[in-house]
N, C-alpha and C. Protein backbone atom coordinates (compact mmCIF):
# COMPACT_ATOMS: atom_id res chain seq x y z
N MET A 1 -1.97 -5.26 -25.85
CA MET A 1 -2.49 -6.18 -24.91
C MET A 1 -3.30 -5.21 -23.79
N PRO A 2 -4.18 -5.72 -23.19
CA PRO A 2 -5.00 -5.03 -22.28
C PRO A 2 -4.00 -4.72 -20.95
N THR A 3 -4.36 -3.62 -20.39
CA THR A 3 -3.63 -3.14 -19.12
C THR A 3 -4.31 -3.31 -17.75
N VAL A 4 -4.03 -3.91 -16.83
CA VAL A 4 -4.72 -3.98 -15.58
C VAL A 4 -4.19 -3.03 -14.57
N VAL A 5 -5.02 -2.24 -14.20
CA VAL A 5 -4.62 -1.10 -13.13
C VAL A 5 -4.99 -1.74 -11.71
N VAL A 6 -3.86 -1.82 -10.89
CA VAL A 6 -4.14 -2.42 -9.55
C VAL A 6 -4.12 -1.15 -8.58
N PRO A 7 -5.22 -1.18 -7.78
CA PRO A 7 -5.25 -0.34 -6.62
C PRO A 7 -4.34 -0.44 -5.55
N PRO A 8 -3.97 0.46 -4.92
CA PRO A 8 -2.92 0.35 -3.64
C PRO A 8 -3.21 -0.64 -2.65
N PRO A 9 -4.33 -0.98 -2.20
CA PRO A 9 -4.53 -2.08 -1.25
C PRO A 9 -4.39 -3.33 -1.84
N PHE A 10 -4.21 -3.46 -3.23
CA PHE A 10 -3.91 -4.87 -3.78
C PHE A 10 -2.71 -5.05 -4.37
N ARG A 11 -1.56 -3.91 -4.20
CA ARG A 11 -0.29 -4.29 -4.71
C ARG A 11 0.56 -5.13 -3.68
N GLY A 12 0.22 -5.58 -2.92
CA GLY A 12 0.93 -6.59 -2.14
C GLY A 12 1.56 -7.66 -2.97
N PRO A 13 0.71 -8.22 -3.66
CA PRO A 13 1.13 -9.46 -4.44
C PRO A 13 2.00 -9.09 -5.74
N THR A 14 1.71 -7.90 -6.13
CA THR A 14 2.48 -7.07 -7.33
C THR A 14 3.63 -6.48 -6.96
N LEU A 15 4.10 -6.36 -5.76
CA LEU A 15 5.32 -5.77 -5.10
C LEU A 15 5.32 -4.49 -5.44
N GLY A 16 3.95 -3.85 -5.34
CA GLY A 16 3.80 -2.36 -5.83
C GLY A 16 3.80 -2.00 -7.18
N VAL A 17 3.61 -2.73 -8.10
CA VAL A 17 3.50 -2.50 -9.41
C VAL A 17 1.91 -2.14 -9.71
N GLU A 18 1.59 -0.95 -10.27
CA GLU A 18 0.45 -0.34 -10.53
C GLU A 18 -0.15 -0.94 -11.61
N LYS A 19 0.53 -1.03 -12.85
CA LYS A 19 0.22 -1.23 -13.96
C LYS A 19 0.72 -2.39 -14.57
N ILE A 20 -0.23 -3.42 -15.09
CA ILE A 20 0.49 -4.66 -15.56
C ILE A 20 -0.40 -4.94 -17.12
N GLU A 21 0.40 -5.09 -17.98
CA GLU A 21 -0.25 -5.77 -19.24
C GLU A 21 -0.14 -7.08 -19.52
N VAL A 22 -1.40 -7.48 -19.79
CA VAL A 22 -1.64 -9.00 -19.89
C VAL A 22 -2.28 -9.57 -21.08
N PRO A 23 -2.06 -10.58 -21.60
CA PRO A 23 -2.65 -11.26 -22.72
C PRO A 23 -3.90 -11.93 -22.53
N ALA A 24 -5.04 -11.18 -22.69
CA ALA A 24 -6.49 -11.69 -22.20
C ALA A 24 -7.77 -11.11 -23.06
N GLY A 25 -8.64 -12.04 -23.01
CA GLY A 25 -9.92 -11.42 -23.88
C GLY A 25 -10.99 -11.42 -22.97
N SER A 26 -11.03 -11.37 -21.68
CA SER A 26 -11.88 -11.06 -20.67
C SER A 26 -11.57 -10.73 -19.47
N ALA A 27 -12.32 -10.03 -18.66
CA ALA A 27 -11.88 -9.51 -17.32
C ALA A 27 -11.51 -10.53 -16.45
N ARG A 28 -12.15 -11.67 -16.48
CA ARG A 28 -11.54 -12.98 -15.47
C ARG A 28 -10.24 -13.34 -16.27
N GLN A 29 -10.05 -13.38 -17.40
CA GLN A 29 -8.65 -13.81 -17.76
C GLN A 29 -7.71 -12.92 -17.61
N CYS A 30 -8.01 -11.63 -17.60
CA CYS A 30 -7.09 -10.47 -17.18
C CYS A 30 -6.71 -10.69 -15.79
N LEU A 31 -7.58 -10.86 -14.89
CA LEU A 31 -7.13 -11.16 -13.45
C LEU A 31 -6.37 -12.47 -13.14
N GLU A 32 -6.67 -13.51 -14.00
CA GLU A 32 -5.94 -14.86 -13.78
C GLU A 32 -4.40 -14.65 -14.42
N ALA A 33 -4.38 -13.91 -15.31
CA ALA A 33 -3.13 -13.49 -16.00
C ALA A 33 -2.08 -12.70 -15.03
N VAL A 34 -2.73 -11.81 -14.42
CA VAL A 34 -1.98 -11.22 -13.43
C VAL A 34 -1.56 -12.02 -12.24
N ASP A 35 -2.33 -12.62 -11.70
CA ASP A 35 -2.10 -13.96 -10.75
C ASP A 35 -1.02 -14.72 -11.19
N ALA A 36 -1.12 -15.18 -12.23
CA ALA A 36 -0.06 -16.17 -12.74
C ALA A 36 1.30 -15.53 -12.50
N HIS A 37 1.51 -14.45 -12.49
CA HIS A 37 3.02 -13.70 -12.34
C HIS A 37 2.94 -13.17 -10.93
N HIS A 38 1.64 -12.93 -10.33
CA HIS A 38 1.79 -12.23 -9.02
C HIS A 38 0.94 -13.02 -8.17
N PRO A 39 1.23 -14.15 -7.72
CA PRO A 39 0.28 -15.27 -6.91
C PRO A 39 -0.25 -14.65 -5.74
N GLY A 40 -1.65 -14.64 -5.53
CA GLY A 40 -2.28 -13.90 -4.45
C GLY A 40 -3.03 -12.93 -4.89
N PHE A 41 -2.71 -12.30 -5.97
CA PHE A 41 -3.66 -11.32 -6.43
C PHE A 41 -5.04 -11.52 -6.68
N ARG A 42 -5.43 -12.66 -7.37
CA ARG A 42 -6.56 -13.02 -7.64
C ARG A 42 -7.45 -13.34 -6.25
N ASP A 43 -6.99 -13.71 -5.43
CA ASP A 43 -7.66 -14.17 -4.02
C ASP A 43 -8.09 -12.78 -3.46
N LEU A 44 -7.47 -11.56 -3.85
CA LEU A 44 -7.96 -10.32 -3.23
C LEU A 44 -9.12 -9.88 -4.00
N VAL A 45 -9.47 -10.03 -5.06
CA VAL A 45 -10.34 -9.63 -6.06
C VAL A 45 -11.52 -10.60 -6.13
N VAL A 46 -11.26 -11.99 -6.28
CA VAL A 46 -12.32 -13.03 -6.76
C VAL A 46 -12.51 -13.84 -5.27
N ASP A 47 -13.63 -14.38 -4.97
CA ASP A 47 -13.89 -15.10 -3.78
C ASP A 47 -13.79 -16.50 -4.34
N ALA A 48 -13.97 -17.47 -3.23
CA ALA A 48 -13.78 -18.97 -3.32
C ALA A 48 -14.64 -19.35 -4.61
N ALA A 49 -15.98 -18.81 -4.46
CA ALA A 49 -16.90 -19.22 -5.49
C ALA A 49 -16.71 -18.51 -7.02
N GLY A 50 -15.53 -17.95 -7.16
CA GLY A 50 -15.18 -17.44 -8.55
C GLY A 50 -15.78 -15.96 -8.87
N GLU A 51 -16.55 -15.43 -7.87
CA GLU A 51 -17.09 -14.19 -8.03
C GLU A 51 -16.36 -12.94 -7.55
N LEU A 52 -16.71 -11.70 -7.97
CA LEU A 52 -16.17 -10.69 -7.37
C LEU A 52 -16.40 -10.40 -5.83
N HIS A 53 -15.38 -10.22 -5.05
CA HIS A 53 -15.63 -9.73 -3.76
C HIS A 53 -16.65 -8.61 -3.68
N ARG A 54 -17.63 -8.72 -2.59
CA ARG A 54 -18.52 -7.72 -2.40
C ARG A 54 -18.05 -6.19 -2.60
N PHE A 55 -16.97 -5.83 -2.24
CA PHE A 55 -16.39 -4.53 -2.28
C PHE A 55 -15.45 -4.11 -3.50
N VAL A 56 -15.50 -4.94 -4.49
CA VAL A 56 -14.61 -4.92 -5.77
C VAL A 56 -15.54 -4.48 -6.94
N LYS A 57 -14.99 -3.33 -7.56
CA LYS A 57 -15.86 -3.20 -8.96
C LYS A 57 -14.70 -3.08 -9.89
N LEU A 58 -15.11 -3.11 -11.19
CA LEU A 58 -14.30 -3.51 -12.23
C LEU A 58 -14.66 -2.24 -13.30
N PHE A 59 -13.86 -1.65 -14.01
CA PHE A 59 -14.05 -0.70 -14.81
C PHE A 59 -13.19 -0.97 -16.17
N ARG A 60 -13.72 -0.95 -17.17
CA ARG A 60 -13.15 -1.06 -18.58
C ARG A 60 -13.08 0.45 -19.32
N ASN A 61 -11.93 1.09 -19.27
CA ASN A 61 -11.69 2.19 -20.07
C ASN A 61 -12.66 3.28 -19.43
N GLY A 62 -12.82 3.29 -18.07
CA GLY A 62 -13.53 4.29 -17.35
C GLY A 62 -15.08 3.89 -16.98
N GLU A 63 -15.58 2.78 -17.83
CA GLU A 63 -17.01 2.36 -17.53
C GLU A 63 -17.10 1.42 -16.74
N GLN A 64 -18.10 1.38 -15.69
CA GLN A 64 -18.25 0.28 -14.77
C GLN A 64 -18.61 -0.80 -15.51
N LEU A 65 -18.18 -2.25 -15.25
CA LEU A 65 -18.71 -3.36 -15.92
C LEU A 65 -19.74 -3.90 -14.85
N VAL A 66 -20.95 -4.06 -15.23
CA VAL A 66 -22.20 -4.55 -14.59
C VAL A 66 -22.54 -5.91 -14.98
N GLY A 67 -23.52 -6.50 -14.15
CA GLY A 67 -23.92 -8.10 -14.41
C GLY A 67 -22.71 -8.98 -14.08
N ASP A 68 -22.46 -9.82 -15.19
CA ASP A 68 -21.22 -10.59 -14.93
C ASP A 68 -20.05 -9.93 -15.38
N ALA A 69 -19.72 -9.02 -14.67
CA ALA A 69 -18.40 -8.27 -14.91
C ALA A 69 -17.16 -9.03 -15.45
N LEU A 70 -17.05 -10.34 -14.74
CA LEU A 70 -15.85 -11.16 -15.05
C LEU A 70 -15.84 -11.69 -16.47
N ALA A 71 -17.07 -11.90 -17.06
CA ALA A 71 -17.16 -12.55 -18.27
C ALA A 71 -16.98 -11.19 -19.40
N GLU A 72 -17.12 -10.06 -19.01
CA GLU A 72 -16.96 -8.91 -20.08
C GLU A 72 -15.72 -9.23 -20.84
N PRO A 73 -15.87 -8.77 -22.11
CA PRO A 73 -14.71 -8.88 -23.16
C PRO A 73 -13.66 -7.76 -22.82
N ILE A 74 -12.45 -8.00 -22.89
CA ILE A 74 -11.50 -6.87 -22.88
C ILE A 74 -10.63 -6.99 -23.93
N ALA A 75 -10.48 -6.05 -24.67
CA ALA A 75 -9.89 -6.19 -26.00
C ALA A 75 -8.49 -5.43 -26.07
N GLU A 76 -7.72 -5.67 -26.95
CA GLU A 76 -6.31 -4.95 -27.28
C GLU A 76 -6.41 -3.47 -26.84
N GLY A 77 -5.51 -3.06 -26.20
CA GLY A 77 -5.43 -1.61 -25.60
C GLY A 77 -6.53 -1.17 -24.67
N ASP A 78 -7.40 -2.05 -24.14
CA ASP A 78 -8.34 -1.58 -23.08
C ASP A 78 -7.48 -1.51 -21.82
N ARG A 79 -8.14 -0.79 -20.88
CA ARG A 79 -7.54 -0.48 -19.62
C ARG A 79 -8.68 -1.13 -18.50
N LEU A 80 -8.28 -2.22 -17.67
CA LEU A 80 -9.09 -2.69 -16.80
C LEU A 80 -8.65 -2.20 -15.42
N GLU A 81 -9.70 -1.41 -14.67
CA GLU A 81 -9.24 -0.93 -13.39
C GLU A 81 -9.84 -1.62 -12.39
N VAL A 82 -9.33 -2.14 -11.43
CA VAL A 82 -10.00 -2.59 -10.24
C VAL A 82 -10.04 -1.61 -9.15
N LEU A 83 -11.43 -1.44 -8.70
CA LEU A 83 -11.47 -0.43 -7.73
C LEU A 83 -11.87 -1.26 -6.33
N SER A 84 -11.30 -0.74 -5.50
CA SER A 84 -11.64 -1.53 -4.00
C SER A 84 -12.55 -0.47 -3.23
N ALA A 85 -13.67 -0.60 -2.80
CA ALA A 85 -14.34 0.19 -2.20
C ALA A 85 -13.71 -0.15 -0.60
N ILE A 86 -13.74 0.99 0.26
CA ILE A 86 -13.53 0.75 1.50
C ILE A 86 -14.69 1.13 2.40
N ALA A 87 -15.09 0.21 3.17
CA ALA A 87 -16.38 0.23 4.09
C ALA A 87 -15.87 0.91 5.55
N GLY A 88 -16.65 1.66 5.94
CA GLY A 88 -16.26 2.28 7.18
C GLY A 88 -17.28 2.51 8.37
N GLY A 89 -17.15 2.87 9.36
CA GLY A 89 -18.09 3.23 10.32
C GLY A 89 -18.89 4.58 10.04
N SER A 90 -19.39 4.96 11.16
CA SER A 90 -20.23 6.15 11.19
C SER A 90 -19.17 7.39 11.34
N CYS A 91 -19.93 8.35 10.72
CA CYS A 91 -18.96 9.64 10.65
C CYS A 91 -19.58 10.57 12.01
N ALA A 92 -20.43 10.22 12.51
CA ALA A 92 -20.99 11.07 13.84
C ALA A 92 -19.93 11.24 15.00
N ALA A 93 -19.91 12.39 15.25
CA ALA A 93 -18.99 12.54 16.43
C ALA A 93 -19.34 11.97 17.66
N PRO A 94 -18.47 11.50 18.51
CA PRO A 94 -19.01 10.87 19.80
C PRO A 94 -19.56 11.87 20.73
N ARG A 95 -20.63 11.49 21.63
CA ARG A 95 -21.16 12.42 22.52
C ARG A 95 -20.04 12.61 23.58
N ALA A 96 -20.17 13.70 24.21
CA ALA A 96 -19.55 14.07 25.52
C ALA A 96 -20.14 13.58 26.63
N ARG A 97 -19.30 12.97 27.55
CA ARG A 97 -19.88 12.34 28.81
C ARG A 97 -20.28 13.35 29.71
N LEU A 98 -21.09 13.36 30.55
CA LEU A 98 -21.68 14.12 31.45
C LEU A 98 -21.17 13.75 32.96
C-alpha cells in the first residue's frame, strides 16, 4: 500500500500520526482514504473546488507532482508526502524611532 506522510501542521485530524498506509491508486484517492479514517484531513489539503490549497505541494517518492497533482498515479510502496508551505511577512528589521 502507498504511505501518506502528514506534515506537523496537518496532524490535528490524524491525532499526531505522521505516516498512514492507504489503499489507493492516485494522489486524490490517497488523501480521501486518509480523510475516511481521520475526518477533517482532506479539508486542510484540498479546497472546496477540489483543488490543492495554494500553499500545499505533493511529492511522490521525493519528486514534486506538477500539473494535475491529484490525478497522478500512486503505486504500491510509493510514498506520498504532503508539504505545507508557510507564508510569512518581511524579514526586514524595524526602524528605530527618532
